[in-house]
Each structure stands twice: as structure tokens, then as C-alpha cells.
PDB file of N, CA and C in Angstrom:
ATOM      1  N   MET A   1      31.929  -8.128  -1.095  1.00  0.00           N
ATOM      2  CA  MET A   1      31.185  -6.901  -1.318  1.00  0.00           C
ATOM      3  C   MET A   1      30.164  -6.721  -0.191  1.00  0.00           C
ATOM      4  N   THR A   2      30.118  -5.571   0.381  1.00  0.00           N
ATOM      5  CA  THR A   2      29.204  -5.263   1.470  1.00  0.00           C
ATOM      6  C   THR A   2      27.873  -4.775   0.908  1.00  0.00           C
ATOM      7  N   TYR A   3      26.776  -5.274   1.498  1.00  0.00           N
ATOM      8  CA  TYR A   3      25.447  -4.849   1.066  1.00  0.00           C
ATOM      9  C   TYR A   3      25.197  -3.412   1.497  1.00  0.00           C
ATOM     10  N   GLN A   4      24.777  -2.599   0.572  1.00  0.00           N
ATOM     11  CA  GLN A   4      24.415  -1.209   0.853  1.00  0.00           C
ATOM     12  C   GLN A   4      22.944  -1.019   0.491  1.00  0.00           C
ATOM     13  N   PRO A   5      22.088  -0.712   1.472  1.00  0.00           N
ATOM     14  CA  PRO A   5      20.677  -0.493   1.150  1.00  0.00           C
ATOM     15  C   PRO A   5      20.518   0.686   0.191  1.00  0.00           C
ATOM     16  N   HIS A   6      19.512   0.594  -0.623  1.00  0.00           N
ATOM     17  CA  HIS A   6      19.214   1.668  -1.574  1.00  0.00           C
ATOM     18  C   HIS A   6      18.879   2.944  -0.798  1.00  0.00           C
ATOM     19  N   PRO A   7      19.366   4.092  -1.264  1.00  0.00           N
ATOM     20  CA  PRO A   7      19.080   5.351  -0.564  1.00  0.00           C
ATOM     21  C   PRO A   7      17.590   5.604  -0.370  1.00  0.00           C
ATOM     22  N   ALA A   8      16.757   5.200  -1.321  1.00  0.00           N
ATOM     23  CA  ALA A   8      15.306   5.403  -1.178  1.00  0.00           C
ATOM     24  C   ALA A   8      14.759   4.572  -0.019  1.00  0.00           C
ATOM     25  N   LYS A   9      15.296   3.375   0.161  1.00  0.00           N
ATOM     26  CA  LYS A   9      14.869   2.530   1.267  1.00  0.00           C
ATOM     27  C   LYS A   9      15.275   3.154   2.600  1.00  0.00           C
ATOM     28  N   LEU A  10      16.474   3.648   2.662  1.00  0.00           N
ATOM     29  CA  LEU A  10      16.945   4.300   3.884  1.00  0.00           C
ATOM     30  C   LEU A  10      16.094   5.523   4.217  1.00  0.00           C
ATOM     31  N   GLU A  11      15.741   6.300   3.212  1.00  0.00           N
ATOM     32  CA  GLU A  11      14.911   7.487   3.426  1.00  0.00           C
ATOM     33  C   GLU A  11      13.523   7.091   3.909  1.00  0.00           C
ATOM     34  N   TYR A  12      12.941   6.043   3.301  1.00  0.00           N
ATOM     35  CA  TYR A  12      11.632   5.538   3.719  1.00  0.00           C
ATOM     36  C   TYR A  12      11.666   5.129   5.185  1.00  0.00           C
ATOM     37  N   GLU A  13      12.684   4.370   5.567  1.00  0.00           N
ATOM     38  CA  GLU A  13      12.805   3.911   6.946  1.00  0.00           C
ATOM     39  C   GLU A  13      13.006   5.077   7.902  1.00  0.00           C
ATOM     40  N   ARG A  14      13.817   6.042   7.532  1.00  0.00           N
ATOM     41  CA  ARG A  14      14.050   7.214   8.380  1.00  0.00           C
ATOM     42  C   ARG A  14      12.750   7.979   8.612  1.00  0.00           C
ATOM     43  N   LYS A  15      11.987   8.189   7.530  1.00  0.00           N
ATOM     44  CA  LYS A  15      10.711   8.911   7.655  1.00  0.00           C
ATOM     45  C   LYS A  15       9.732   8.152   8.541  1.00  0.00           C
ATOM     46  N   LEU A  16       9.657   6.854   8.346  1.00  0.00           N
ATOM     47  CA  LEU A  16       8.723   6.052   9.128  1.00  0.00           C
ATOM     48  C   LEU A  16       9.087   6.070  10.609  1.00  0.00           C
ATOM     49  N   LEU A  17      10.360   5.898  10.908  1.00  0.00           N
ATOM     50  CA  LEU A  17      10.798   5.881  12.307  1.00  0.00           C
ATOM     51  C   LEU A  17      10.624   7.232  12.991  1.00  0.00           C
ATOM     52  N   SER A  18      10.660   8.303  12.224  1.00  0.00           N
ATOM     53  CA  SER A  18      10.534   9.635  12.827  1.00  0.00           C
ATOM     54  C   SER A  18       9.128  10.220  12.704  1.00  0.00           C
ATOM     55  N   ASP A  19       8.200   9.479  12.135  1.00  0.00           N
ATOM     56  CA  ASP A  19       6.820   9.944  11.986  1.00  0.00           C
ATOM     57  C   ASP A  19       6.232  10.210  13.375  1.00  0.00           C
ATOM     58  N   PRO A  20       5.751  11.435  13.619  1.00  0.00           N
ATOM     59  CA  PRO A  20       5.201  11.755  14.947  1.00  0.00           C
ATOM     60  C   PRO A  20       4.031  10.856  15.359  1.00  0.00           C
ATOM     61  N   ARG A  21       3.224  10.417  14.398  1.00  0.00           N
ATOM     62  CA  ARG A  21       2.099   9.537  14.737  1.00  0.00           C
ATOM     63  C   ARG A  21       2.611   8.183  15.213  1.00  0.00           C
ATOM     64  N   ILE A  22       3.662   7.682  14.563  1.00  0.00           N
ATOM     65  CA  ILE A  22       4.271   6.414  14.984  1.00  0.00           C
ATOM     66  C   ILE A  22       4.890   6.583  16.371  1.00  0.00           C
ATOM     67  N   GLN A  23       5.613   7.673  16.570  1.00  0.00           N
ATOM     68  CA  GLN A  23       6.250   7.919  17.866  1.00  0.00           C
ATOM     69  C   GLN A  23       5.211   8.000  18.987  1.00  0.00           C
ATOM     70  N   GLU A  24       4.104   8.696  18.720  1.00  0.00           N
ATOM     71  CA  GLU A  24       3.039   8.823  19.719  1.00  0.00           C
ATOM     72  C   GLU A  24       2.416   7.455  20.031  1.00  0.00           C
ATOM     73  N   ALA A  25       2.192   6.661  18.985  1.00  0.00           N
ATOM     74  CA  ALA A  25       1.618   5.324  19.179  1.00  0.00           C
ATOM     75  C   ALA A  25       2.557   4.435  19.991  1.00  0.00           C
ATOM     76  N   ILE A  26       3.846   4.521  19.699  1.00  0.00           N
ATOM     77  CA  ILE A  26       4.828   3.730  20.454  1.00  0.00           C
ATOM     78  C   ILE A  26       4.805   4.131  21.926  1.00  0.00           C
ATOM     79  N   GLU A  27       4.789   5.416  22.191  1.00  0.00           N
ATOM     80  CA  GLU A  27       4.744   5.891  23.583  1.00  0.00           C
ATOM     81  C   GLU A  27       3.490   5.397  24.292  1.00  0.00           C
ATOM     82  N   GLU A  28       2.367   5.448  23.592  1.00  0.00           N
ATOM     83  CA  GLU A  28       1.100   5.020  24.179  1.00  0.00           C
ATOM     84  C   GLU A  28       1.126   3.522  24.507  1.00  0.00           C
ATOM     85  N   LEU A  29       1.558   2.718  23.548  1.00  0.00           N
ATOM     86  CA  LEU A  29       1.565   1.270  23.747  1.00  0.00           C
ATOM     87  C   LEU A  29       2.597   0.829  24.777  1.00  0.00           C
ATOM     88  N   THR A  30       3.788   1.393  24.712  1.00  0.00           N
ATOM     89  CA  THR A  30       4.807   1.002  25.685  1.00  0.00           C
ATOM     90  C   THR A  30       4.422   1.476  27.085  1.00  0.00           C
ATOM     91  N   GLY A  31       3.709   2.584  27.170  1.00  0.00           N
ATOM     92  CA  GLY A  31       3.238   3.062  28.475  1.00  0.00           C
ATOM     93  C   GLY A  31       2.270   2.087  29.115  1.00  0.00           C
ATOM     94  N   VAL A  32       1.360   1.553  28.302  1.00  0.00           N
ATOM     95  CA  VAL A  32       0.386   0.570  28.795  1.00  0.00           C
ATOM     96  C   VAL A  32       1.119  -0.670  29.319  1.00  0.00           C
ATOM     97  N   ILE A  33       2.112  -1.105  28.562  1.00  0.00           N
ATOM     98  CA  ILE A  33       2.870  -2.297  28.965  1.00  0.00           C
ATOM     99  C   ILE A  33       3.705  -2.002  30.207  1.00  0.00           C
ATOM    100  N   ARG A  34       4.385  -0.871  30.222  1.00  0.00           N
ATOM    101  CA  ARG A  34       5.268  -0.512  31.328  1.00  0.00           C
ATOM    102  C   ARG A  34       4.489  -0.346  32.633  1.00  0.00           C
ATOM    103  N   ASP A  35       3.238   0.139  32.541  1.00  0.00           N
ATOM    104  CA  ASP A  35       2.419   0.294  33.748  1.00  0.00           C
ATOM    105  C   ASP A  35       2.210  -1.054  34.446  1.00  0.00           C
ATOM    106  N   ARG A  36       2.007  -2.098  33.663  1.00  0.00           N
ATOM    107  CA  ARG A  36       1.741  -3.425  34.232  1.00  0.00           C
ATOM    108  C   ARG A  36       3.024  -4.216  34.452  1.00  0.00           C
ATOM    109  N   TYR A  37       4.005  -4.016  33.575  1.00  0.00           N
ATOM    110  CA  TYR A  37       5.269  -4.752  33.636  1.00  0.00           C
ATOM    111  C   TYR A  37       6.438  -3.760  33.625  1.00  0.00           C
ATOM    112  N   PRO A  38       6.740  -3.160  34.767  1.00  0.00           N
ATOM    113  CA  PRO A  38       7.775  -2.117  34.815  1.00  0.00           C
ATOM    114  C   PRO A  38       9.164  -2.599  34.400  1.00  0.00           C
ATOM    115  N   GLY A  39       9.408  -3.900  34.452  1.00  0.00           N
ATOM    116  CA  GLY A  39      10.707  -4.432  34.072  1.00  0.00           C
ATOM    117  C   GLY A  39      10.841  -4.717  32.582  1.00  0.00           C
ATOM    118  N   ALA A  40       9.781  -4.477  31.829  1.00  0.00           N
ATOM    119  CA  ALA A  40       9.823  -4.747  30.385  1.00  0.00           C
ATOM    120  C   ALA A  40      10.836  -3.825  29.711  1.00  0.00           C
ATOM    121  N   THR A  41      11.475  -4.347  28.672  1.00  0.00           N
ATOM    122  CA  THR A  41      12.389  -3.527  27.875  1.00  0.00           C
ATOM    123  C   THR A  41      11.861  -3.469  26.449  1.00  0.00           C
ATOM    124  N   PHE A  42      12.235  -2.414  25.747  1.00  0.00           N
ATOM    125  CA  PHE A  42      11.688  -2.147  24.421  1.00  0.00           C
ATOM    126  C   PHE A  42      12.802  -1.818  23.440  1.00  0.00           C
ATOM    127  N   GLU A  43      12.706  -2.404  22.259  1.00  0.00           N
ATOM    128  CA  GLU A  43      13.621  -2.079  21.168  1.00  0.00           C
ATOM    129  C   GLU A  43      12.761  -1.693  19.973  1.00  0.00           C
ATOM    130  N   VAL A  44      13.024  -0.526  19.412  1.00  0.00           N
ATOM    131  CA  VAL A  44      12.267  -0.036  18.267  1.00  0.00           C
ATOM    132  C   VAL A  44      13.166  -0.050  17.047  1.00  0.00           C
ATOM    133  N   GLY A  45      12.631  -0.567  15.952  1.00  0.00           N
ATOM    134  CA  GLY A  45      13.384  -0.596  14.705  1.00  0.00           C
ATOM    135  C   GLY A  45      12.466  -0.946  13.556  1.00  0.00           C
ATOM    136  N   MET A  46      13.047  -1.158  12.417  1.00  0.00           N
ATOM    137  CA  MET A  46      12.274  -1.551  11.250  1.00  0.00           C
ATOM    138  C   MET A  46      12.057  -3.057  11.281  1.00  0.00           C
ATOM    139  N   ALA A  47      10.899  -3.489  10.796  1.00  0.00           N
ATOM    140  CA  ALA A  47      10.636  -4.914  10.644  1.00  0.00           C
ATOM    141  C   ALA A  47      11.637  -5.477   9.644  1.00  0.00           C
ATOM    142  N   MET A  48      11.919  -6.748   9.756  1.00  0.00           N
ATOM    143  CA  MET A  48      12.912  -7.381   8.882  1.00  0.00           C
ATOM    144  C   MET A  48      12.627  -7.142   7.402  1.00  0.00           C
ATOM    145  N   ASP A  49      11.345  -7.115   7.034  1.00  0.00           N
ATOM    146  CA  ASP A  49      10.990  -6.935   5.633  1.00  0.00           C
ATOM    147  C   ASP A  49      10.725  -5.467   5.286  1.00  0.00           C
ATOM    148  N   SER A  50      11.070  -4.568   6.197  1.00  0.00           N
ATOM    149  CA  SER A  50      10.879  -3.123   6.021  1.00  0.00           C
ATOM    150  C   SER A  50       9.423  -2.736   5.779  1.00  0.00           C
ATOM    151  N   SER A  51       8.502  -3.571   6.252  1.00  0.00           N
ATOM    152  CA  SER A  51       7.085  -3.275   6.049  1.00  0.00           C
ATOM    153  C   SER A  51       6.541  -2.270   7.053  1.00  0.00           C
ATOM    154  N   GLY A  52       7.322  -1.930   8.038  1.00  0.00           N
ATOM    155  CA  GLY A  52       6.873  -0.979   9.034  1.00  0.00           C
ATOM    156  C   GLY A  52       7.771  -0.998  10.248  1.00  0.00           C
ATOM    157  N   VAL A  53       7.371  -0.241  11.238  1.00  0.00           N
ATOM    158  CA  VAL A  53       8.124  -0.131  12.477  1.00  0.00           C
ATOM    159  C   VAL A  53       7.709  -1.285  13.389  1.00  0.00           C
ATOM    160  N   GLN A  54       8.687  -1.825  14.067  1.00  0.00           N
ATOM    161  CA  GLN A  54       8.439  -2.941  14.970  1.00  0.00           C
ATOM    162  C   GLN A  54       8.970  -2.591  16.356  1.00  0.00           C
ATOM    163  N   VAL A  55       8.162  -2.870  17.353  1.00  0.00           N
ATOM    164  CA  VAL A  55       8.582  -2.720  18.743  1.00  0.00           C
ATOM    165  C   VAL A  55       8.729  -4.124  19.312  1.00  0.00           C
ATOM    166  N   LEU A  56       9.929  -4.459  19.726  1.00  0.00           N
ATOM    167  CA  LEU A  56      10.199  -5.748  20.350  1.00  0.00           C
ATOM    168  C   LEU A  56      10.169  -5.532  21.859  1.00  0.00           C
ATOM    169  N   VAL A  57       9.243  -6.206  22.510  1.00  0.00           N
ATOM    170  CA  VAL A  57       9.064  -6.080  23.956  1.00  0.00           C
ATOM    171  C   VAL A  57       9.579  -7.348  24.612  1.00  0.00           C
ATOM    172  N   THR A  58      10.547  -7.204  25.486  1.00  0.00           N
ATOM    173  CA  THR A  58      11.050  -8.337  26.257  1.00  0.00           C
ATOM    174  C   THR A  58      10.493  -8.192  27.665  1.00  0.00           C
ATOM    175  N   VAL A  59       9.744  -9.209  28.073  1.00  0.00           N
ATOM    176  CA  VAL A  59       9.108  -9.159  29.384  1.00  0.00           C
ATOM    177  C   VAL A  59       9.184 -10.549  30.003  1.00  0.00           C
ATOM    178  N   ASP A  60       9.553 -10.596  31.271  1.00  0.00           N
ATOM    179  CA  ASP A  60       9.785 -11.862  31.963  1.00  0.00           C
ATOM    180  C   ASP A  60       8.477 -12.440  32.487  1.00  0.00           C
ATOM    181  N   VAL A  61       7.751 -13.101  31.585  1.00  0.00           N
ATOM    182  CA  VAL A  61       6.518 -13.807  31.928  1.00  0.00           C
ATOM    183  C   VAL A  61       6.566 -15.164  31.246  1.00  0.00           C
ATOM    184  N   GLU A  62       5.811 -16.094  31.798  1.00  0.00           N
ATOM    185  CA  GLU A  62       5.797 -17.430  31.209  1.00  0.00           C
ATOM    186  C   GLU A  62       5.055 -17.445  29.881  1.00  0.00           C
ATOM    187  N   ASP A  63       3.964 -16.685  29.802  1.00  0.00           N
ATOM    188  CA  ASP A  63       3.134 -16.668  28.590  1.00  0.00           C
ATOM    189  C   ASP A  63       2.978 -15.223  28.118  1.00  0.00           C
ATOM    190  N   THR A  64       3.606 -14.894  27.006  1.00  0.00           N
ATOM    191  CA  THR A  64       3.555 -13.504  26.516  1.00  0.00           C
ATOM    192  C   THR A  64       2.167 -13.108  26.026  1.00  0.00           C
ATOM    193  N   ASP A  65       1.262 -14.061  25.850  1.00  0.00           N
ATOM    194  CA  ASP A  65      -0.109 -13.716  25.457  1.00  0.00           C
ATOM    195  C   ASP A  65      -0.761 -12.803  26.494  1.00  0.00           C
ATOM    196  N   GLU A  66      -0.413 -12.999  27.766  1.00  0.00           N
ATOM    197  CA  GLU A  66      -1.009 -12.159  28.814  1.00  0.00           C
ATOM    198  C   GLU A  66      -0.579 -10.698  28.659  1.00  0.00           C
ATOM    199  N   VAL A  67       0.581 -10.463  28.085  1.00  0.00           N
ATOM    200  CA  VAL A  67       1.043  -9.098  27.823  1.00  0.00           C
ATOM    201  C   VAL A  67       0.310  -8.536  26.607  1.00  0.00           C
ATOM    202  N   GLU A  68       0.182  -9.356  25.573  1.00  0.00           N
ATOM    203  CA  GLU A  68      -0.457  -8.906  24.336  1.00  0.00           C
ATOM    204  C   GLU A  68      -1.913  -8.509  24.543  1.00  0.00           C
ATOM    205  N   VAL A  69      -2.577  -9.140  25.495  1.00  0.00           N
ATOM    206  CA  VAL A  69      -3.965  -8.799  25.795  1.00  0.00           C
ATOM    207  C   VAL A  69      -4.084  -7.318  26.178  1.00  0.00           C
ATOM    208  N   LEU A  70      -3.051  -6.780  26.802  1.00  0.00           N
ATOM    209  CA  LEU A  70      -3.076  -5.383  27.244  1.00  0.00           C
ATOM    210  C   LEU A  70      -3.181  -4.383  26.091  1.00  0.00           C
ATOM    211  N   PHE A  71      -2.586  -4.714  24.955  1.00  0.00           N
ATOM    212  CA  PHE A  71      -2.494  -3.720  23.884  1.00  0.00           C
ATOM    213  C   PHE A  71      -3.036  -4.165  22.532  1.00  0.00           C
ATOM    214  N   ARG A  72      -3.405  -5.425  22.391  1.00  0.00           N
ATOM    215  CA  ARG A  72      -3.774  -5.975  21.079  1.00  0.00           C
ATOM    216  C   ARG A  72      -4.869  -5.176  20.377  1.00  0.00           C
ATOM    217  N   SER A  73      -5.990  -4.921  21.047  1.00  0.00           N
ATOM    218  CA  SER A  73      -7.093  -4.211  20.377  1.00  0.00           C
ATOM    219  C   SER A  73      -6.701  -2.771  20.054  1.00  0.00           C
ATOM    220  N   GLN A  74      -5.948  -2.151  20.927  1.00  0.00           N
ATOM    221  CA  GLN A  74      -5.481  -0.791  20.696  1.00  0.00           C
ATOM    222  C   GLN A  74      -4.555  -0.741  19.469  1.00  0.00           C
ATOM    223  N   LEU A  75      -3.655  -1.703  19.363  1.00  0.00           N
ATOM    224  CA  LEU A  75      -2.745  -1.769  18.222  1.00  0.00           C
ATOM    225  C   LEU A  75      -3.509  -2.017  16.928  1.00  0.00           C
ATOM    226  N   LEU A  76      -4.450  -2.951  16.955  1.00  0.00           N
ATOM    227  CA  LEU A  76      -5.242  -3.233  15.753  1.00  0.00           C
ATOM    228  C   LEU A  76      -6.008  -1.996  15.303  1.00  0.00           C
ATOM    229  N   ASP A  77      -6.518  -1.249  16.256  1.00  0.00           N
ATOM    230  CA  ASP A  77      -7.222  -0.008  15.946  1.00  0.00           C
ATOM    231  C   ASP A  77      -6.273   0.997  15.273  1.00  0.00           C
ATOM    232  N   MET A  78      -5.073   1.117  15.805  1.00  0.00           N
ATOM    233  CA  MET A  78      -4.080   2.029  15.228  1.00  0.00           C
ATOM    234  C   MET A  78      -3.703   1.604  13.805  1.00  0.00           C
ATOM    235  N   GLN A  79      -3.592   0.304  13.602  1.00  0.00           N
ATOM    236  CA  GLN A  79      -3.218  -0.209  12.287  1.00  0.00           C
ATOM    237  C   GLN A  79      -4.338  -0.011  11.269  1.00  0.00           C
ATOM    238  N   SER A  80      -5.576  -0.321  11.667  1.00  0.00           N
ATOM    239  CA  SER A  80      -6.678  -0.274  10.711  1.00  0.00           C
ATOM    240  C   SER A  80      -7.259   1.125  10.522  1.00  0.00           C
ATOM    241  N   ARG A  81      -7.553   1.800  11.585  1.00  0.00           N
ATOM    242  CA  ARG A  81      -8.189   3.120  11.463  1.00  0.00           C
ATOM    243  C   ARG A  81      -7.214   4.231  11.096  1.00  0.00           C
ATOM    244  N   GLU A  82      -6.019   4.159  11.665  1.00  0.00           N
ATOM    245  CA  GLU A  82      -5.046   5.223  11.429  1.00  0.00           C
ATOM    246  C   GLU A  82      -4.027   4.865  10.361  1.00  0.00           C
ATOM    247  N   GLY A  83      -4.041   3.604   9.929  1.00  0.00           N
ATOM    248  CA  GLY A  83      -3.121   3.172   8.884  1.00  0.00           C
ATOM    249  C   GLY A  83      -1.658   3.159   9.294  1.00  0.00           C
ATOM    250  N   LEU A  84      -1.398   3.010  10.581  1.00  0.00           N
ATOM    251  CA  LEU A  84      -0.017   3.025  11.047  1.00  0.00           C
ATOM    252  C   LEU A  84       0.670   1.702  10.730  1.00  0.00           C
ATOM    253  N   LEU A  85       1.850   1.802  10.175  1.00  0.00           N
ATOM    254  CA  LEU A  85       2.668   0.627   9.874  1.00  0.00           C
ATOM    255  C   LEU A  85       3.507   0.320  11.109  1.00  0.00           C
ATOM    256  N   LEU A  86       2.863  -0.312  12.072  1.00  0.00           N
ATOM    257  CA  LEU A  86       3.464  -0.557  13.375  1.00  0.00           C
ATOM    258  C   LEU A  86       3.055  -1.931  13.854  1.00  0.00           C
ATOM    259  N   ASP A  87       4.011  -2.644  14.432  1.00  0.00           N
ATOM    260  CA  ASP A  87       3.716  -3.944  15.020  1.00  0.00           C
ATOM    261  C   ASP A  87       4.460  -4.049  16.346  1.00  0.00           C
ATOM    262  N   VAL A  88       3.897  -4.813  17.261  1.00  0.00           N
ATOM    263  CA  VAL A  88       4.509  -5.033  18.564  1.00  0.00           C
ATOM    264  C   VAL A  88       4.627  -6.537  18.757  1.00  0.00           C
ATOM    265  N   ILE A  89       5.826  -6.971  19.091  1.00  0.00           N
ATOM    266  CA  ILE A  89       6.093  -8.391  19.300  1.00  0.00           C
ATOM    267  C   ILE A  89       6.616  -8.568  20.718  1.00  0.00           C
ATOM    268  N   THR A  90       6.023  -9.500  21.436  1.00  0.00           N
ATOM    269  CA  THR A  90       6.463  -9.754  22.811  1.00  0.00           C
ATOM    270  C   THR A  90       7.236 -11.068  22.873  1.00  0.00           C
ATOM    271  N   VAL A  91       8.331 -11.043  23.606  1.00  0.00           N
ATOM    272  CA  VAL A  91       9.165 -12.233  23.777  1.00  0.00           C
ATOM    273  C   VAL A  91       9.627 -12.306  25.226  1.00  0.00           C
ATOM    274  N   PRO A  92       9.844 -13.529  25.721  1.00  0.00           N
ATOM    275  CA  PRO A  92      10.439 -13.652  27.050  1.00  0.00           C
ATOM    276  C   PRO A  92      11.945 -13.444  26.943  1.00  0.00           C
ATOM    277  N   PRO A  93      12.604 -13.142  28.044  1.00  0.00           N
ATOM    278  CA  PRO A  93      14.066 -13.028  28.011  1.00  0.00           C
ATOM    279  C   PRO A  93      14.680 -14.375  27.612  1.00  0.00           C
ATOM    280  N   ILE A  94      15.845 -14.336  27.047  1.00  0.00           N
ATOM    281  CA  ILE A  94      16.510 -15.539  26.561  1.00  0.00           C
ATOM    282  C   ILE A  94      16.700 -16.560  27.684  1.00  0.00           C
ATOM    283  N   GLU A  95      16.937 -16.098  28.898  1.00  0.00           N
ATOM    284  CA  GLU A  95      17.115 -17.021  30.020  1.00  0.00           C
ATOM    285  C   GLU A  95      15.848 -17.842  30.254  1.00  0.00           C
ATOM    286  N   ARG A  96      14.694 -17.183  30.204  1.00  0.00           N
ATOM    287  CA  ARG A  96      13.420 -17.893  30.402  1.00  0.00           C
ATOM    288  C   ARG A  96      13.192 -18.873  29.256  1.00  0.00           C
ATOM    289  N   THR A  97      13.529 -18.480  28.048  1.00  0.00           N
ATOM    290  CA  THR A  97      13.377 -19.369  26.902  1.00  0.00           C
ATOM    291  C   THR A  97      14.237 -20.611  27.065  1.00  0.00           C
ATOM    292  N   ARG A  98      15.452 -20.426  27.522  1.00  0.00           N
ATOM    293  CA  ARG A  98      16.337 -21.579  27.768  1.00  0.00           C
ATOM    294  C   ARG A  98      15.741 -22.511  28.826  1.00  0.00           C
ATOM    295  N   GLU A  99      15.215 -21.925  29.900  1.00  0.00           N
ATOM    296  CA  GLU A  99      14.603 -22.724  30.964  1.00  0.00           C
ATOM    297  C   GLU A  99      13.421 -23.533  30.424  1.00  0.00           C
ATOM    298  N   MET A 100      12.579 -22.878  29.612  1.00  0.00           N
ATOM    299  CA  MET A 100      11.408 -23.552  29.063  1.00  0.00           C
ATOM    300  C   MET A 100      11.823 -24.701  28.149  1.00  0.00           C
ATOM    301  N   LEU A 101      12.848 -24.492  27.331  1.00  0.00           N
ATOM    302  CA  LEU A 101      13.341 -25.563  26.466  1.00  0.00           C
ATOM    303  C   LEU A 101      13.895 -26.722  27.275  1.00  0.00           C
ATOM    304  N   GLN A 102      14.630 -26.410  28.331  1.00  0.00           N
ATOM    305  CA  GLN A 102      15.186 -27.457  29.188  1.00  0.00           C
ATOM    306  C   GLN A 102      14.069 -28.251  29.858  1.00  0.00           C
ATOM    307  N   GLN A 103      13.036 -27.576  30.329  1.00  0.00           N
ATOM    308  CA  GLN A 103      11.905 -28.258  30.948  1.00  0.00           C
ATOM    309  C   GLN A 103      11.210 -29.185  29.959  1.00  0.00           C
ATOM    310  N   ARG A 104      11.072 -28.725  28.707  1.00  0.00           N
ATOM    311  CA  ARG A 104      10.448 -29.566  27.679  1.00  0.00           C
ATOM    312  C   ARG A 104      11.300 -30.803  27.391  1.00  0.00           C
ATOM    313  N   ARG A 105      12.611 -30.612  27.315  1.00  0.00           N
ATOM    314  CA  ARG A 105      13.508 -31.744  27.080  1.00  0.00           C
ATOM    315  C   ARG A 105      13.392 -32.767  28.218  1.00  0.00           C
ATOM    316  N   GLU A 106      13.375 -32.261  29.451  1.00  0.00           N
ATOM    317  CA  GLU A 106      13.285 -33.153  30.605  1.00  0.00           C
ATOM    318  C   GLU A 106      11.952 -33.886  30.628  1.00  0.00           C
ATOM    319  N   ALA A 107      10.890 -33.191  30.277  1.00  0.00           N
ATOM    320  CA  ALA A 107       9.572 -33.833  30.249  1.00  0.00           C
ATOM    321  C   ALA A 107       9.526 -34.888  29.144  1.00  0.00           C
ATOM    322  N   ALA A 108      10.116 -34.604  27.994  1.00  0.00           N
ATOM    323  CA  ALA A 108      10.147 -35.577  26.898  1.00  0.00           C
ATOM    324  C   ALA A 108      10.979 -36.792  27.286  1.00  0.00           C
ATOM    325  N   ALA A 109      12.103 -36.556  27.963  1.00  0.00           N
ATOM    326  CA  ALA A 109      12.951 -37.662  28.396  1.00  0.00           C
ATOM    327  C   ALA A 109      12.236 -38.521  29.429  1.00  0.00           C
ATOM    328  N   ALA A 110      11.469 -37.905  30.303  1.00  0.00           N
ATOM    329  CA  ALA A 110      10.741 -38.652  31.333  1.00  0.00           C
ATOM    330  C   ALA A 110       9.652 -39.533  30.717  1.00  0.00           C
ATOM    331  N   ARG A 111       9.086 -39.089  29.592  1.00  0.00           N
ATOM    332  CA  ARG A 111       8.030 -39.878  28.931  1.00  0.00           C
ATOM    333  C   ARG A 111       8.618 -41.049  28.152  1.00  0.00           C
ATOM    334  N   SER A 112       9.890 -40.952  27.825  1.00  0.00           N
ATOM    335  CA  SER A 112      10.524 -42.027  27.013  1.00  0.00           C
ATOM    336  C   SER A 112      10.824 -43.256  27.803  1.00  0.00           C
TER     337      SER A 112
END
């Protein structure tokens, strides 16, 4: 049997994704990121728990905290003052993640 989301859930998600305030906030935040990291890519969708809209930012940096510094206070302001159900998550590309894991394995092996 295939899982079929409840029609009310689908309608909620559709409304949230098409909310002009959410769309404007996404444009604003991705613009800030794109200005500093032009190679960043963005995927917009619903959070896994359907609690709001999520923007997944893939950016090729060693530490994604440096990217989050660009928009964190702005996002918190949007969430608290405007009540926007929006979150932004930054991740490195899978290739960088693989490299970092390999480096950790090699460092652990060298200590053994």
C-alpha cells in the first residue's frame, strides 16, 4: 500500500510554500548568501516534519557556520517577529563531506 498524505496536509504545505511572505524571505536570505557565495545552490521544500518551509543551502566551504553567520540574525528576526515558519540549513557538498570523513579516518589511524 502506498502512503497518501492527507489532503489537508497537502493543502497546508501548498499554502505555506506559496505564501508571498515566505517567498520574499527566501529571496532575501538566498540573495545574502548568493552575494558572498555565488556557487551556492538552494533547494526549497517542506521540513521533514511539515513544521514549515526549509531551504537547504549547499555551499563548498569547510565550516558552514561561516555561512550561517551571514543570515542567522535576519532569519531569527523573521521567525520571531514575523512568525514565519521558515528554516535555513547549510551543508557542504557530498564530495567535501567524504573528504572530511576520510581525513578523520586517516587522522584516527595515525593516532593508533
